[in-house]
Amino acid sequence: MRMKRDVRCLVGLVTCPDVVSAKKIAKCIVKEKLCACVNILKNMESVFFWENKVQKEKEVLLLIKTTDKNKVKLTKIIRKMHPYKVPEIIFLEIQYGLDDFLAWIKKESS
């Protein structure tokens, strides 16, 4: 018999081309209770390889606090709303954090 694992907390990383698209995505996923919080970090510069050359763009980074049970649904919504053909959508497991903060993430990411 398999034991039920505790819900894991994650941080999602999503880059957006501008503040307007970043705020639109952030508001939607918080309103849908798919995450507890989204930080919007402006004025980030990204250097990356795309379409056979090195690109440099100003971007906005979303830091999404959520749980593992929401990552598939979040990915679908973000892909649908995102203006990029291939958006950066990465989830990292939180290995350690303040217990009260992690409990809040779990509570608000229903």
Protein backbone atom coordinates (compact mmCIF):
# COMPACT_ATOMS: atom_id res chain seq x y z
CA MET A 1 0.00 0.00 0.00
CA ARG A 2 1.32 3.41 -0.98
CA MET A 3 1.35 6.21 1.58
CA LYS A 4 -0.18 9.53 0.55
CA ARG A 5 2.53 12.13 0.22
CA ASP A 6 2.20 15.62 1.61
CA VAL A 7 1.54 18.40 -0.89
CA ARG A 8 4.81 19.89 -2.11
CA CYS A 9 5.27 23.63 -2.52
CA LEU A 10 6.80 24.94 -5.74
CA VAL A 11 8.13 28.16 -7.20
CA GLY A 12 7.22 28.71 -10.83
CA LEU A 13 9.37 30.83 -13.13
CA VAL A 14 7.74 32.42 -16.17
CA THR A 15 9.26 35.15 -18.32
CA CYS A 16 6.99 37.59 -20.14
CA PRO A 17 7.77 40.19 -22.80
CA ASP A 18 6.14 43.08 -20.92
CA VAL A 19 4.41 44.16 -17.72
CA VAL A 20 0.95 44.11 -19.31
CA SER A 21 1.08 40.40 -20.18
CA ALA A 22 2.78 39.59 -16.86
CA LYS A 23 0.05 41.33 -14.83
CA LYS A 24 -2.71 39.71 -16.89
CA ILE A 25 -1.32 36.20 -16.25
CA ALA A 26 -0.59 36.91 -12.57
CA LYS A 27 -4.07 38.26 -11.86
CA CYS A 28 -5.75 35.32 -13.60
CA ILE A 29 -3.84 32.56 -11.81
CA VAL A 30 -4.19 34.19 -8.37
CA LYS A 31 -7.91 34.79 -8.93
CA GLU A 32 -8.33 31.11 -9.94
CA LYS A 33 -6.62 30.09 -6.64
CA LEU A 34 -3.92 28.18 -8.55
CA CYS A 35 -1.21 29.95 -6.58
CA ALA A 36 -0.88 31.92 -3.37
CA CYS A 37 1.21 34.74 -4.77
CA VAL A 38 2.96 36.03 -7.88
CA ASN A 39 5.90 38.43 -7.72
CA ILE A 40 6.44 40.50 -10.86
CA LEU A 41 10.09 41.42 -11.39
CA LYS A 42 10.51 44.15 -13.99
CA ASN A 43 13.48 45.32 -16.06
CA MET A 44 15.17 41.97 -16.46
CA GLU A 45 17.48 41.46 -19.43
CA SER A 46 17.59 38.01 -21.00
CA VAL A 47 20.24 36.66 -23.36
CA PHE A 48 19.27 33.45 -25.13
CA PHE A 49 19.71 31.39 -28.27
CA TRP A 50 16.62 31.42 -30.51
CA GLU A 51 16.11 30.93 -34.25
CA ASN A 52 19.79 30.19 -34.85
CA LYS A 53 21.19 33.31 -33.22
CA VAL A 54 21.89 34.95 -29.89
CA GLN A 55 19.01 37.21 -28.85
CA LYS A 56 18.85 39.91 -26.18
CA GLU A 57 15.50 41.15 -24.86
CA LYS A 58 14.02 43.05 -21.93
CA GLU A 59 11.64 40.75 -20.06
CA VAL A 60 9.54 40.55 -16.92
CA LEU A 61 9.86 37.55 -14.58
CA LEU A 62 6.96 36.01 -12.69
CA LEU A 63 7.78 34.15 -9.45
CA ILE A 64 4.77 31.97 -8.73
CA LYS A 65 4.25 30.32 -5.32
CA THR A 66 2.06 27.24 -5.73
CA THR A 67 1.79 23.50 -5.08
CA ASP A 68 2.62 20.47 -7.18
CA LYS A 69 -1.06 19.65 -7.68
CA ASN A 70 -1.52 22.90 -9.66
CA LYS A 71 1.46 22.76 -12.03
CA VAL A 72 -0.35 21.06 -14.94
CA LYS A 73 -3.36 23.41 -14.78
CA LEU A 74 -1.05 26.44 -14.42
CA THR A 75 0.98 25.34 -17.43
CA LYS A 76 -2.17 25.05 -19.57
CA ILE A 77 -3.50 28.47 -18.57
CA ILE A 78 -0.13 30.21 -18.95
CA ARG A 79 0.45 28.64 -22.40
CA LYS A 80 -2.99 29.78 -23.52
CA MET A 81 -2.51 33.36 -22.28
CA HIS A 82 1.18 33.80 -23.09
CA PRO A 83 2.25 35.73 -26.21
CA TYR A 84 5.43 33.66 -26.78
CA LYS A 85 5.36 30.63 -29.08
CA VAL A 86 7.45 28.71 -26.51
CA PRO A 87 7.10 30.36 -23.10
CA GLU A 88 9.50 29.65 -20.26
CA ILE A 89 7.47 27.73 -17.69
CA ILE A 90 9.61 26.08 -15.00
CA PHE A 91 8.63 24.72 -11.59
CA LEU A 92 11.18 24.19 -8.82
CA GLU A 93 10.40 22.33 -5.61
CA ILE A 94 10.91 24.31 -2.42
CA GLN A 95 13.27 22.17 -0.35
CA TYR A 96 13.09 24.30 2.77
CA GLY A 97 11.13 27.32 3.94
CA LEU A 98 9.40 28.88 6.90
CA ASP A 99 6.67 26.43 7.94
CA ASP A 100 4.05 29.16 8.32
CA PHE A 101 4.80 30.53 4.84
CA LEU A 102 4.64 27.09 3.23
CA ALA A 103 1.35 26.39 5.03
CA TRP A 104 -0.01 29.66 3.62
CA ILE A 105 0.99 28.63 0.08
CA LYS A 106 -0.81 25.31 0.53
CA LYS A 107 -3.91 26.98 1.99
CA GLU A 108 -4.22 29.63 -0.73
CA SER A 109 -3.41 27.32 -3.65
CA SER A 110 -6.58 25.27 -3.35
